[in-house]
Amino acid sequence: MTDSKRAVFFCSASFGIDPKYNQAAREIVRAACMRGYDIVSGGATKGTMGVVCDTAAQCGAGNIGVLPRFMEEYLHPALTETIWTDTMAERKEAMRKGTSVAMALPGGIGTMDELFETFVLAKLHKYDGRVAAFNMDGYYDTLVKMLDEFVDRGMMEAADRALISFPSTIEEAISIFE
């Protein structure tokens, strides 16, 4: 698996989300797999994270899960590789390692944490992959507005703001993997 392309997906571990988000995740992950990407995720059975793992397994792609040891009970059974960490900070670092795309699907505070850290690392030239957040149905519109406000007020350079994209359709999200 080390010679292949890798994409990391940050996403929800909640079960109560609208099924349309999981369906979109299936389509995007399937497209990434069909373009030769191995899939890296949080490696758990819960929520969209489980959908990402299921889809990677169905596609026969490398299915790499990164979990802190205290989440062992959520280990997805179809992973082709499991990376154990001691902390959530180590988990984020291990999830990004060797990836050329970091895609945040709709998610909560964990997803935001992963996305923001990756975005900051891209700004600091410590992550050279593409960074995107799938803005399905305007899910990330408030974040887009906030980042644009940072630029407008001089808190962020426009060039740094351009390091993150917000595809709003499945087709746009899939194009990130071209």
N, C-alpha and C. Protein backbone atom coordinates (compact mmCIF):
# COMPACT_ATOMS: atom_id res chain seq x y z
N MET A 1 0.79 -1.20 0.00
CA MET A 1 0.00 0.00 0.00
C MET A 1 0.84 1.27 0.00
N THR A 2 2.10 1.20 0.33
CA THR A 2 2.88 2.42 0.47
C THR A 2 3.16 3.12 -0.86
N ASP A 3 3.08 2.41 -2.02
CA ASP A 3 3.32 3.03 -3.31
C ASP A 3 2.08 3.69 -3.88
N SER A 4 0.94 3.50 -3.29
CA SER A 4 -0.30 4.03 -3.84
C SER A 4 -0.59 5.42 -3.30
N LYS A 5 -1.55 6.07 -3.95
CA LYS A 5 -2.01 7.37 -3.49
C LYS A 5 -2.91 7.15 -2.27
N ARG A 6 -2.89 8.11 -1.37
CA ARG A 6 -3.75 8.02 -0.18
C ARG A 6 -4.54 9.30 -0.01
N ALA A 7 -5.79 9.14 0.40
CA ALA A 7 -6.66 10.26 0.74
C ALA A 7 -7.19 10.02 2.14
N VAL A 8 -7.20 11.07 2.93
CA VAL A 8 -7.76 10.97 4.28
C VAL A 8 -9.12 11.64 4.28
N PHE A 9 -10.06 10.98 4.93
CA PHE A 9 -11.41 11.51 5.09
C PHE A 9 -11.66 11.79 6.55
N PHE A 10 -12.05 13.03 6.84
CA PHE A 10 -12.48 13.44 8.16
C PHE A 10 -14.00 13.48 8.11
N CYS A 11 -14.66 12.86 9.10
CA CYS A 11 -16.12 12.79 9.02
C CYS A 11 -16.75 12.46 10.37
N SER A 12 -18.06 12.46 10.35
CA SER A 12 -18.85 12.26 11.56
C SER A 12 -18.80 10.82 12.06
N ALA A 13 -18.83 10.68 13.36
CA ALA A 13 -18.95 9.36 13.98
C ALA A 13 -20.32 9.24 14.65
N SER A 14 -21.26 10.07 14.21
CA SER A 14 -22.61 10.05 14.79
C SER A 14 -23.55 9.21 13.94
N PHE A 15 -24.47 8.54 14.61
CA PHE A 15 -25.43 7.71 13.89
C PHE A 15 -26.67 8.50 13.47
N GLY A 16 -26.95 9.63 14.09
CA GLY A 16 -28.20 10.32 13.87
C GLY A 16 -28.22 11.31 12.72
N ILE A 17 -27.26 11.25 11.80
CA ILE A 17 -27.22 12.24 10.74
C ILE A 17 -28.13 11.84 9.57
N ASP A 18 -28.48 12.82 8.77
CA ASP A 18 -29.32 12.59 7.59
C ASP A 18 -28.62 11.60 6.67
N PRO A 19 -29.32 10.55 6.22
CA PRO A 19 -28.71 9.53 5.35
C PRO A 19 -28.13 10.09 4.05
N LYS A 20 -28.58 11.25 3.61
CA LYS A 20 -28.05 11.81 2.36
C LYS A 20 -26.55 12.09 2.47
N TYR A 21 -26.07 12.42 3.67
CA TYR A 21 -24.64 12.66 3.85
C TYR A 21 -23.84 11.36 3.70
N ASN A 22 -24.38 10.28 4.21
CA ASN A 22 -23.69 8.99 4.07
C ASN A 22 -23.72 8.52 2.62
N GLN A 23 -24.80 8.77 1.91
CA GLN A 23 -24.86 8.38 0.50
C GLN A 23 -23.82 9.17 -0.30
N ALA A 24 -23.72 10.45 -0.03
CA ALA A 24 -22.71 11.26 -0.71
C ALA A 24 -21.30 10.76 -0.37
N ALA A 25 -21.07 10.41 0.89
CA ALA A 25 -19.77 9.87 1.29
C ALA A 25 -19.45 8.62 0.50
N ARG A 26 -20.42 7.72 0.34
CA ARG A 26 -20.20 6.50 -0.45
C ARG A 26 -19.74 6.84 -1.86
N GLU A 27 -20.42 7.78 -2.49
CA GLU A 27 -20.09 8.13 -3.87
C GLU A 27 -18.71 8.75 -3.99
N ILE A 28 -18.36 9.62 -3.07
CA ILE A 28 -17.06 10.28 -3.12
C ILE A 28 -15.94 9.29 -2.82
N VAL A 29 -16.11 8.46 -1.80
CA VAL A 29 -15.08 7.47 -1.47
C VAL A 29 -14.92 6.47 -2.61
N ARG A 30 -16.03 6.02 -3.17
CA ARG A 30 -15.98 5.08 -4.30
C ARG A 30 -15.19 5.71 -5.46
N ALA A 31 -15.46 6.96 -5.76
CA ALA A 31 -14.75 7.64 -6.85
C ALA A 31 -13.26 7.75 -6.56
N ALA A 32 -12.91 8.07 -5.32
CA ALA A 32 -11.49 8.13 -4.94
C ALA A 32 -10.83 6.77 -5.12
N CYS A 33 -11.51 5.72 -4.69
CA CYS A 33 -10.97 4.37 -4.84
C CYS A 33 -10.78 4.02 -6.32
N MET A 34 -11.74 4.38 -7.14
CA MET A 34 -11.67 4.07 -8.56
C MET A 34 -10.54 4.85 -9.25
N ARG A 35 -10.07 5.90 -8.63
CA ARG A 35 -8.96 6.68 -9.15
C ARG A 35 -7.63 6.26 -8.53
N GLY A 36 -7.65 5.13 -7.84
CA GLY A 36 -6.41 4.54 -7.33
C GLY A 36 -5.99 4.97 -5.94
N TYR A 37 -6.88 5.60 -5.19
CA TYR A 37 -6.53 6.04 -3.85
C TYR A 37 -6.83 4.95 -2.83
N ASP A 38 -5.93 4.78 -1.88
CA ASP A 38 -6.23 4.07 -0.66
C ASP A 38 -6.88 5.08 0.28
N ILE A 39 -7.72 4.59 1.17
CA ILE A 39 -8.52 5.46 2.01
C ILE A 39 -8.04 5.38 3.45
N VAL A 40 -7.79 6.54 4.03
CA VAL A 40 -7.41 6.66 5.44
C VAL A 40 -8.56 7.34 6.16
N SER A 41 -8.91 6.82 7.31
CA SER A 41 -10.00 7.42 8.10
C SER A 41 -9.76 7.14 9.57
N GLY A 42 -10.73 7.56 10.37
CA GLY A 42 -10.67 7.29 11.79
C GLY A 42 -10.86 5.83 12.15
N GLY A 43 -11.22 5.00 11.16
CA GLY A 43 -11.21 3.55 11.33
C GLY A 43 -12.26 2.96 12.23
N ALA A 44 -13.31 3.71 12.50
CA ALA A 44 -14.34 3.23 13.42
C ALA A 44 -15.59 2.76 12.67
N THR A 45 -16.41 2.04 13.36
CA THR A 45 -17.66 1.52 12.80
C THR A 45 -18.78 2.55 12.86
N LYS A 46 -18.61 3.61 13.61
CA LYS A 46 -19.68 4.56 13.90
C LYS A 46 -19.90 5.57 12.77
N GLY A 47 -21.16 5.87 12.49
CA GLY A 47 -21.56 6.97 11.62
C GLY A 47 -20.94 6.93 10.24
N THR A 48 -20.66 8.12 9.70
CA THR A 48 -20.09 8.23 8.37
C THR A 48 -18.71 7.57 8.31
N MET A 49 -18.01 7.56 9.44
CA MET A 49 -16.71 6.90 9.48
C MET A 49 -16.86 5.42 9.10
N GLY A 50 -17.88 4.78 9.60
CA GLY A 50 -18.15 3.39 9.24
C GLY A 50 -18.50 3.25 7.77
N VAL A 51 -19.24 4.21 7.23
CA VAL A 51 -19.61 4.20 5.81
C VAL A 51 -18.35 4.32 4.95
N VAL A 52 -17.44 5.20 5.33
CA VAL A 52 -16.18 5.36 4.59
C VAL A 52 -15.42 4.04 4.59
N CYS A 53 -15.31 3.40 5.73
CA CYS A 53 -14.59 2.12 5.83
C CYS A 53 -15.29 1.03 5.02
N ASP A 54 -16.62 0.96 5.14
CA ASP A 54 -17.38 -0.03 4.38
C ASP A 54 -17.15 0.14 2.88
N THR A 55 -17.21 1.37 2.42
CA THR A 55 -17.09 1.64 0.98
C THR A 55 -15.69 1.31 0.48
N ALA A 56 -14.66 1.69 1.23
CA ALA A 56 -13.29 1.36 0.83
C ALA A 56 -13.13 -0.16 0.74
N ALA A 57 -13.71 -0.89 1.69
CA ALA A 57 -13.63 -2.35 1.67
C ALA A 57 -14.36 -2.92 0.46
N GLN A 58 -15.54 -2.41 0.17
CA GLN A 58 -16.30 -2.88 -0.99
C GLN A 58 -15.56 -2.64 -2.29
N CYS A 59 -14.79 -1.58 -2.35
CA CYS A 59 -14.03 -1.24 -3.55
C CYS A 59 -12.72 -2.01 -3.65
N GLY A 60 -12.31 -2.66 -2.58
CA GLY A 60 -11.06 -3.39 -2.57
C GLY A 60 -9.83 -2.49 -2.42
N ALA A 61 -10.05 -1.27 -1.98
CA ALA A 61 -8.94 -0.33 -1.78
C ALA A 61 -8.28 -0.59 -0.45
N GLY A 62 -7.08 -0.05 -0.29
CA GLY A 62 -6.48 -0.04 1.02
C GLY A 62 -7.39 0.74 1.95
N ASN A 63 -7.61 0.21 3.12
CA ASN A 63 -8.59 0.75 4.06
C ASN A 63 -7.88 0.92 5.39
N ILE A 64 -7.24 2.08 5.55
CA ILE A 64 -6.36 2.31 6.70
C ILE A 64 -7.12 3.07 7.78
N GLY A 65 -7.20 2.50 8.95
CA GLY A 65 -7.87 3.15 10.06
C GLY A 65 -6.88 3.56 11.13
N VAL A 66 -7.07 4.76 11.66
CA VAL A 66 -6.19 5.27 12.70
C VAL A 66 -7.04 5.54 13.93
N LEU A 67 -6.75 4.81 15.00
CA LEU A 67 -7.55 4.94 16.22
C LEU A 67 -6.67 5.08 17.44
N PRO A 68 -7.09 5.93 18.37
CA PRO A 68 -6.42 5.92 19.67
C PRO A 68 -6.82 4.65 20.40
N ARG A 69 -5.95 4.16 21.21
CA ARG A 69 -6.18 2.88 21.90
C ARG A 69 -7.48 2.88 22.72
N PHE A 70 -7.87 4.03 23.23
CA PHE A 70 -9.09 4.06 24.05
C PHE A 70 -10.37 3.90 23.22
N MET A 71 -10.24 3.85 21.89
CA MET A 71 -11.40 3.64 21.02
C MET A 71 -11.41 2.24 20.39
N GLU A 72 -10.66 1.33 20.98
CA GLU A 72 -10.51 -0.01 20.42
C GLU A 72 -11.86 -0.70 20.17
N GLU A 73 -12.84 -0.44 21.01
CA GLU A 73 -14.14 -1.11 20.87
C GLU A 73 -14.85 -0.72 19.58
N TYR A 74 -14.43 0.38 18.93
CA TYR A 74 -15.07 0.84 17.70
C TYR A 74 -14.31 0.44 16.44
N LEU A 75 -13.27 -0.36 16.55
CA LEU A 75 -12.45 -0.77 15.42
C LEU A 75 -13.30 -1.40 14.32
N HIS A 76 -13.16 -0.87 13.12
CA HIS A 76 -13.90 -1.41 11.97
C HIS A 76 -13.26 -2.74 11.56
N PRO A 77 -14.05 -3.80 11.36
CA PRO A 77 -13.49 -5.12 11.06
C PRO A 77 -12.92 -5.26 9.64
N ALA A 78 -13.23 -4.35 8.72
CA ALA A 78 -12.79 -4.51 7.33
C ALA A 78 -11.54 -3.70 6.99
N LEU A 79 -10.86 -3.19 8.00
CA LEU A 79 -9.63 -2.44 7.73
C LEU A 79 -8.54 -3.36 7.19
N THR A 80 -7.76 -2.85 6.25
CA THR A 80 -6.60 -3.61 5.77
C THR A 80 -5.36 -3.27 6.58
N GLU A 81 -5.43 -2.16 7.30
CA GLU A 81 -4.31 -1.74 8.15
C GLU A 81 -4.89 -0.91 9.30
N THR A 82 -4.39 -1.16 10.49
CA THR A 82 -4.79 -0.38 11.66
C THR A 82 -3.55 0.26 12.26
N ILE A 83 -3.67 1.54 12.50
CA ILE A 83 -2.59 2.28 13.16
C ILE A 83 -3.12 2.74 14.51
N TRP A 84 -2.46 2.32 15.57
CA TRP A 84 -2.88 2.67 16.92
C TRP A 84 -2.09 3.87 17.41
N THR A 85 -2.76 4.76 18.11
CA THR A 85 -2.09 5.92 18.71
C THR A 85 -2.51 5.99 20.18
N ASP A 86 -1.79 6.82 20.91
CA ASP A 86 -2.13 7.01 22.32
C ASP A 86 -3.05 8.21 22.53
N THR A 87 -2.97 9.20 21.62
CA THR A 87 -3.74 10.43 21.80
C THR A 87 -4.46 10.82 20.51
N MET A 88 -5.41 11.73 20.64
CA MET A 88 -6.11 12.24 19.47
C MET A 88 -5.15 13.07 18.61
N ALA A 89 -4.23 13.79 19.23
CA ALA A 89 -3.26 14.57 18.46
C ALA A 89 -2.38 13.66 17.60
N GLU A 90 -1.92 12.56 18.17
CA GLU A 90 -1.14 11.59 17.40
C GLU A 90 -1.99 10.99 16.29
N ARG A 91 -3.26 10.79 16.57
CA ARG A 91 -4.17 10.23 15.56
C ARG A 91 -4.25 11.13 14.34
N LYS A 92 -4.43 12.42 14.56
CA LYS A 92 -4.53 13.36 13.43
C LYS A 92 -3.26 13.34 12.59
N GLU A 93 -2.12 13.35 13.25
CA GLU A 93 -0.85 13.33 12.54
C GLU A 93 -0.71 12.05 11.71
N ALA A 94 -1.05 10.92 12.31
CA ALA A 94 -0.95 9.64 11.60
C ALA A 94 -1.95 9.55 10.44
N MET A 95 -3.13 10.14 10.61
CA MET A 95 -4.12 10.11 9.54
C MET A 95 -3.63 10.86 8.31
N ARG A 96 -2.96 11.98 8.50
CA ARG A 96 -2.48 12.80 7.37
C ARG A 96 -1.25 12.21 6.69
N LYS A 97 -0.47 11.44 7.41
CA LYS A 97 0.83 10.98 6.92
C LYS A 97 0.68 10.25 5.58
N GLY A 98 1.42 10.75 4.60
CA GLY A 98 1.45 10.10 3.29
C GLY A 98 0.25 10.36 2.40
N THR A 99 -0.65 11.25 2.82
CA THR A 99 -1.83 11.52 2.01
C THR A 99 -1.58 12.73 1.10
N SER A 100 -2.28 12.73 -0.03
CA SER A 100 -2.19 13.86 -0.94
C SER A 100 -3.51 14.63 -1.02
N VAL A 101 -4.53 14.12 -0.36
CA VAL A 101 -5.83 14.79 -0.29
C VAL A 101 -6.36 14.62 1.13
N ALA A 102 -6.86 15.71 1.70
CA ALA A 102 -7.57 15.67 2.98
C ALA A 102 -8.96 16.24 2.72
N MET A 103 -9.96 15.38 2.84
CA MET A 103 -11.34 15.77 2.54
C MET A 103 -12.19 15.66 3.80
N ALA A 104 -12.74 16.79 4.22
CA ALA A 104 -13.68 16.78 5.34
C ALA A 104 -15.08 16.62 4.76
N LEU A 105 -15.78 15.62 5.21
CA LEU A 105 -17.18 15.45 4.89
C LEU A 105 -17.97 16.18 5.98
N PRO A 106 -19.25 16.40 5.81
CA PRO A 106 -20.01 17.02 6.90
C PRO A 106 -19.80 16.26 8.21
N GLY A 107 -19.50 16.99 9.25
CA GLY A 107 -19.24 16.38 10.55
C GLY A 107 -19.34 17.41 11.65
N GLY A 108 -18.95 17.00 12.84
CA GLY A 108 -19.06 17.86 14.01
C GLY A 108 -17.71 18.40 14.46
N ILE A 109 -17.54 18.53 15.80
CA ILE A 109 -16.35 19.20 16.31
C ILE A 109 -15.07 18.41 16.04
N GLY A 110 -15.14 17.09 16.04
CA GLY A 110 -13.95 16.29 15.71
C GLY A 110 -13.51 16.54 14.28
N THR A 111 -14.47 16.56 13.37
CA THR A 111 -14.17 16.84 11.97
C THR A 111 -13.58 18.23 11.82
N MET A 112 -14.14 19.20 12.52
CA MET A 112 -13.62 20.57 12.45
C MET A 112 -12.19 20.64 12.98
N ASP A 113 -11.92 19.93 14.06
CA ASP A 113 -10.58 19.90 14.63
C ASP A 113 -9.59 19.36 13.60
N GLU A 114 -9.93 18.25 12.97
CA GLU A 114 -9.06 17.63 11.98
C GLU A 114 -8.86 18.55 10.78
N LEU A 115 -9.96 19.15 10.31
CA LEU A 115 -9.89 20.03 9.15
C LEU A 115 -9.05 21.27 9.44
N PHE A 116 -9.29 21.93 10.57
CA PHE A 116 -8.56 23.15 10.88
C PHE A 116 -7.07 22.88 11.07
N GLU A 117 -6.73 21.82 11.77
CA GLU A 117 -5.31 21.53 11.96
C GLU A 117 -4.64 21.28 10.62
N THR A 118 -5.30 20.55 9.75
CA THR A 118 -4.73 20.26 8.43
C THR A 118 -4.59 21.54 7.61
N PHE A 119 -5.59 22.40 7.66
CA PHE A 119 -5.56 23.69 6.97
C PHE A 119 -4.40 24.54 7.48
N VAL A 120 -4.23 24.61 8.79
CA VAL A 120 -3.12 25.37 9.37
C VAL A 120 -1.78 24.80 8.92
N LEU A 121 -1.66 23.48 8.91
CA LEU A 121 -0.41 22.85 8.48
C LEU A 121 -0.14 23.14 7.00
N ALA A 122 -1.18 23.19 6.17
CA ALA A 122 -1.01 23.55 4.76
C ALA A 122 -0.48 24.98 4.66
N LYS A 123 -1.04 25.88 5.46
CA LYS A 123 -0.59 27.27 5.47
C LYS A 123 0.88 27.37 5.88
N LEU A 124 1.29 26.54 6.80
CA LEU A 124 2.67 26.55 7.31
C LEU A 124 3.62 25.69 6.47
N HIS A 125 3.13 25.17 5.35
CA HIS A 125 3.91 24.32 4.44
C HIS A 125 4.36 23.02 5.11
N LYS A 126 3.54 22.52 6.03
CA LYS A 126 3.82 21.25 6.70
C LYS A 126 2.88 20.14 6.22
N TYR A 127 1.92 20.50 5.38
CA TYR A 127 1.06 19.52 4.70
C TYR A 127 0.93 20.01 3.27
N ASP A 128 1.36 19.18 2.31
CA ASP A 128 1.36 19.64 0.93
C ASP A 128 0.25 19.03 0.08
N GLY A 129 -0.68 18.35 0.72
CA GLY A 129 -1.82 17.80 -0.01
C GLY A 129 -2.90 18.85 -0.21
N ARG A 130 -3.90 18.49 -1.01
CA ARG A 130 -5.06 19.37 -1.19
C ARG A 130 -5.96 19.23 0.02
N VAL A 131 -6.56 20.34 0.42
CA VAL A 131 -7.47 20.37 1.57
C VAL A 131 -8.83 20.84 1.08
N ALA A 132 -9.86 20.06 1.41
CA ALA A 132 -11.21 20.41 0.96
C ALA A 132 -12.23 20.02 2.03
N ALA A 133 -13.35 20.73 2.00
CA ALA A 133 -14.49 20.40 2.86
C ALA A 133 -15.72 20.33 1.96
N PHE A 134 -16.38 19.18 1.95
CA PHE A 134 -17.53 18.98 1.08
C PHE A 134 -18.72 19.78 1.61
N ASN A 135 -19.09 20.80 0.87
CA ASN A 135 -20.09 21.76 1.30
C ASN A 135 -21.49 21.39 0.79
N MET A 136 -21.86 20.17 0.98
CA MET A 136 -23.16 19.69 0.52
C MET A 136 -24.29 20.47 1.19
N ASP A 137 -25.22 20.93 0.38
CA ASP A 137 -26.39 21.68 0.87
C ASP A 137 -25.99 22.87 1.75
N GLY A 138 -24.82 23.46 1.45
CA GLY A 138 -24.38 24.63 2.21
C GLY A 138 -23.91 24.32 3.61
N TYR A 139 -23.57 23.05 3.88
CA TYR A 139 -23.17 22.65 5.23
C TYR A 139 -22.06 23.53 5.81
N TYR A 140 -21.09 23.89 4.97
CA TYR A 140 -19.95 24.68 5.44
C TYR A 140 -20.05 26.16 5.06
N ASP A 141 -21.22 26.64 4.66
CA ASP A 141 -21.36 28.04 4.26
C ASP A 141 -20.91 29.01 5.36
N THR A 142 -21.24 28.72 6.59
CA THR A 142 -20.86 29.61 7.69
C THR A 142 -19.34 29.65 7.83
N LEU A 143 -18.68 28.52 7.65
CA LEU A 143 -17.22 28.49 7.71
C LEU A 143 -16.62 29.27 6.55
N VAL A 144 -17.17 29.10 5.36
CA VAL A 144 -16.69 29.86 4.19
C VAL A 144 -16.79 31.35 4.48
N LYS A 145 -17.93 31.77 5.00
CA LYS A 145 -18.14 33.19 5.31
C LYS A 145 -17.13 33.67 6.35
N MET A 146 -16.88 32.85 7.37
CA MET A 146 -15.93 33.22 8.41
C MET A 146 -14.52 33.37 7.84
N LEU A 147 -14.08 32.43 7.02
CA LEU A 147 -12.75 32.52 6.43
C LEU A 147 -12.62 33.74 5.53
N ASP A 148 -13.66 34.01 4.76
CA ASP A 148 -13.65 35.21 3.92
C ASP A 148 -13.61 36.48 4.76
N GLU A 149 -14.28 36.45 5.90
CA GLU A 149 -14.24 37.59 6.83
C GLU A 149 -12.82 37.78 7.38
N PHE A 150 -12.13 36.66 7.67
CA PHE A 150 -10.74 36.76 8.12
C PHE A 150 -9.89 37.50 7.08
N VAL A 151 -10.09 37.17 5.81
CA VAL A 151 -9.34 37.84 4.74
C VAL A 151 -9.73 39.32 4.69
N ASP A 152 -11.04 39.59 4.70
CA ASP A 152 -11.52 40.98 4.62
C ASP A 152 -10.98 41.85 5.73
N ARG A 153 -10.79 41.27 6.91
CA ARG A 153 -10.31 42.04 8.07
C ARG A 153 -8.79 41.98 8.25
N GLY A 154 -8.12 41.36 7.31
CA GLY A 154 -6.66 41.31 7.37
C GLY A 154 -6.10 40.26 8.32
N MET A 155 -6.93 39.34 8.78
CA MET A 155 -6.48 38.30 9.71
C MET A 155 -5.88 37.08 8.98
N MET A 156 -6.11 37.02 7.67
CA MET A 156 -5.62 35.91 6.86
C MET A 156 -5.32 36.44 5.47
N GLU A 157 -4.25 35.95 4.90
CA GLU A 157 -3.90 36.32 3.53
C GLU A 157 -4.82 35.56 2.56
N ALA A 158 -5.17 36.22 1.47
CA ALA A 158 -6.02 35.58 0.45
C ALA A 158 -5.36 34.31 -0.09
N ALA A 159 -4.04 34.32 -0.21
CA ALA A 159 -3.33 33.13 -0.71
C ALA A 159 -3.49 31.95 0.25
N ASP A 160 -3.52 32.24 1.54
CA ASP A 160 -3.72 31.17 2.53
C ASP A 160 -5.16 30.67 2.48
N ARG A 161 -6.10 31.59 2.33
CA ARG A 161 -7.51 31.21 2.23
C ARG A 161 -7.73 30.28 1.04
N ALA A 162 -6.97 30.48 -0.01
CA ALA A 162 -7.11 29.67 -1.23
C ALA A 162 -6.60 28.24 -1.05
N LEU A 163 -5.98 27.94 0.07
CA LEU A 163 -5.46 26.59 0.31
C LEU A 163 -6.55 25.58 0.64
N ILE A 164 -7.77 26.06 0.89
CA ILE A 164 -8.87 25.16 1.20
C ILE A 164 -10.00 25.43 0.22
N SER A 165 -10.55 24.34 -0.31
CA SER A 165 -11.67 24.48 -1.24
C SER A 165 -12.93 23.88 -0.62
N PHE A 166 -14.06 24.32 -1.14
CA PHE A 166 -15.35 23.89 -0.62
C PHE A 166 -16.25 23.41 -1.76
N PRO A 167 -15.94 22.25 -2.31
CA PRO A 167 -16.80 21.75 -3.38
C PRO A 167 -18.22 21.54 -2.85
N SER A 168 -19.21 21.92 -3.66
CA SER A 168 -20.59 21.86 -3.18
C SER A 168 -21.42 20.76 -3.83
N THR A 169 -20.88 20.12 -4.86
CA THR A 169 -21.59 19.00 -5.48
C THR A 169 -20.69 17.76 -5.41
N ILE A 170 -21.30 16.62 -5.56
CA ILE A 170 -20.53 15.37 -5.55
C ILE A 170 -19.51 15.40 -6.69
N GLU A 171 -19.89 15.91 -7.85
CA GLU A 171 -18.98 15.97 -8.98
C GLU A 171 -17.77 16.86 -8.68
N GLU A 172 -18.02 18.02 -8.05
CA GLU A 172 -16.92 18.90 -7.67
C GLU A 172 -16.01 18.22 -6.65
N ALA A 173 -16.62 17.53 -5.69
CA ALA A 173 -15.81 16.82 -4.68
C ALA A 173 -14.96 15.74 -5.32
N ILE A 174 -15.55 15.01 -6.25
CA ILE A 174 -14.81 13.94 -6.92
C ILE A 174 -13.63 14.51 -7.72
N SER A 175 -13.80 15.71 -8.28
CA SER A 175 -12.73 16.31 -9.09
C SER A 175 -11.47 16.57 -8.27
N ILE A 176 -11.58 16.67 -6.96
CA ILE A 176 -10.41 16.86 -6.09
C ILE A 176 -9.44 15.68 -6.24
N PHE A 177 -9.96 14.52 -6.62
CA PHE A 177 -9.15 13.30 -6.71
C PHE A 177 -8.59 13.07 -8.11
N GLU A 178 -8.77 14.03 -8.99
CA GLU A 178 -8.26 13.89 -10.38
C GLU A 178 -6.77 14.06 -10.38
